[in-house]
């Protein structure tokens, strides 16, 4: 297992980072980052923002990263629809007298 740093940049400026441990098996890292266009993974113990994967042998860089906006869950949409239906029914009853 190898210590590493997962870094997120926007326009070349470090936005956030996380200390992680790399293992030989497939891993998933979940970070709650927005407005990030570059992600870097630097192995070893280096200060955040000091590793440049372009030209380094112990790093991986991903540029032009696009992070999709979250899609509302079906339950949220169903709750909104139910509320709007209830408001429409109340208005209809009020107009009928």
Protein backbone atom coordinates (compact mmCIF):
# COMPACT_ATOMS: atom_id res chain seq x y z
CA UNK A 1 0.00 0.00 0.00
CA UNK A 2 1.31 3.41 -1.00
CA UNK A 3 0.35 6.79 0.47
CA UNK A 4 -0.78 9.30 -2.13
CA UNK A 5 -2.53 12.63 -2.57
CA UNK A 6 -5.63 13.17 -4.72
CA UNK A 7 -5.77 16.82 -5.81
CA UNK A 8 -8.42 18.87 -7.61
CA UNK A 9 -7.54 22.05 -9.52
CA UNK A 10 -9.50 24.79 -11.25
CA UNK A 11 -7.55 26.90 -13.72
CA UNK A 12 -4.26 25.68 -12.27
CA UNK A 13 -5.20 26.63 -8.70
CA UNK A 14 -5.49 23.90 -6.06
CA UNK A 15 -9.14 23.75 -4.94
CA UNK A 16 -9.11 20.71 -2.63
CA UNK A 17 -7.12 17.59 -1.85
CA UNK A 18 -7.47 14.28 -0.03
CA UNK A 19 -4.84 11.95 1.40
CA UNK A 20 -5.46 8.44 0.08
CA UNK A 21 -3.79 5.02 0.11
CA UNK A 22 -3.16 3.22 -3.17
CA UNK A 23 -3.49 -0.56 -3.26
CA UNK A 24 -2.88 -3.10 -6.05
CA UNK A 25 -6.64 -3.68 -6.42
CA UNK A 26 -9.21 -1.49 -8.18
CA UNK A 27 -10.32 1.45 -6.04
CA UNK A 28 -13.02 4.10 -6.16
CA UNK A 29 -12.48 7.51 -4.61
CA UNK A 30 -15.46 9.72 -3.89
CA UNK A 31 -14.88 13.42 -3.33
CA UNK A 32 -17.56 16.08 -3.15
CA UNK A 33 -15.79 18.49 -5.51
CA UNK A 34 -17.38 21.06 -7.80
CA UNK A 35 -15.67 23.43 -10.23
CA UNK A 36 -12.68 21.16 -10.81
CA UNK A 37 -11.09 20.88 -14.27
CA UNK A 38 -7.92 18.93 -13.44
CA UNK A 39 -7.38 15.95 -11.13
CA UNK A 40 -3.94 14.72 -10.06
CA UNK A 41 -2.90 11.64 -8.11
CA UNK A 42 0.63 11.89 -6.68
CA UNK A 43 2.15 8.86 -4.99
CA UNK A 44 4.37 9.28 -1.97
CA UNK A 45 4.19 11.92 0.70
CA UNK A 46 4.37 15.30 -1.00
CA UNK A 47 2.79 18.58 0.12
CA UNK A 48 -0.57 19.22 -1.65
CA UNK A 49 -0.13 21.21 -4.85
CA UNK A 50 3.62 20.52 -5.17
CA UNK A 51 3.43 17.53 -7.50
CA UNK A 52 3.10 18.01 -11.25
CA UNK A 53 2.16 14.82 -13.13
CA UNK A 54 3.31 16.24 -16.46
CA UNK A 55 6.90 15.06 -16.50
CA UNK A 56 6.79 13.23 -13.15
CA UNK A 57 7.13 9.46 -12.91
CA UNK A 58 5.17 9.02 -9.69
CA UNK A 59 1.98 10.84 -10.66
CA UNK A 60 -1.13 10.65 -12.84
CA UNK A 61 -2.93 13.69 -14.20
CA UNK A 62 -6.35 14.03 -15.83
CA UNK A 63 -7.04 17.34 -17.57
CA UNK A 64 -10.27 18.82 -18.99
CA UNK A 65 -12.37 16.94 -16.45
CA UNK A 66 -16.14 17.42 -16.79
CA UNK A 67 -18.24 16.78 -13.69
CA UNK A 68 -21.92 16.28 -14.40
CA UNK A 69 -24.55 18.00 -12.32
CA UNK A 70 -26.49 15.58 -10.14
CA UNK A 71 -29.83 14.43 -11.50
CA UNK A 72 -32.82 14.71 -9.14
CA UNK A 73 -33.92 11.38 -7.72
CA UNK A 74 -37.31 9.99 -8.83
CA UNK A 75 -38.57 10.22 -5.24
CA UNK A 76 -37.85 13.96 -5.16
CA UNK A 77 -39.71 14.49 -8.42
CA UNK A 78 -42.65 12.37 -7.19
CA UNK A 79 -42.85 14.43 -3.98
CA UNK A 80 -42.82 17.68 -5.98
CA UNK A 81 -45.54 16.35 -8.31
CA UNK A 82 -47.71 15.26 -5.39
CA UNK A 83 -47.39 18.69 -3.79
CA UNK A 84 -48.34 20.47 -7.01
CA UNK A 85 -51.29 18.14 -7.51
CA UNK A 86 -52.48 18.88 -3.97
CA UNK A 87 -52.26 22.63 -4.58
CA UNK A 88 -54.22 22.28 -7.82
CA UNK A 89 -56.95 20.27 -6.05
CA UNK A 90 -57.22 22.85 -3.24
CA UNK A 91 -57.58 25.64 -5.79
CA UNK A 92 -60.24 23.70 -7.68
CA UNK A 93 -62.25 23.13 -4.49
CA UNK A 94 -62.00 26.80 -3.59
CA UNK A 95 -63.26 27.88 -7.03
CA UNK A 96 -66.22 25.44 -6.87
CA UNK A 97 -67.33 26.98 -3.63
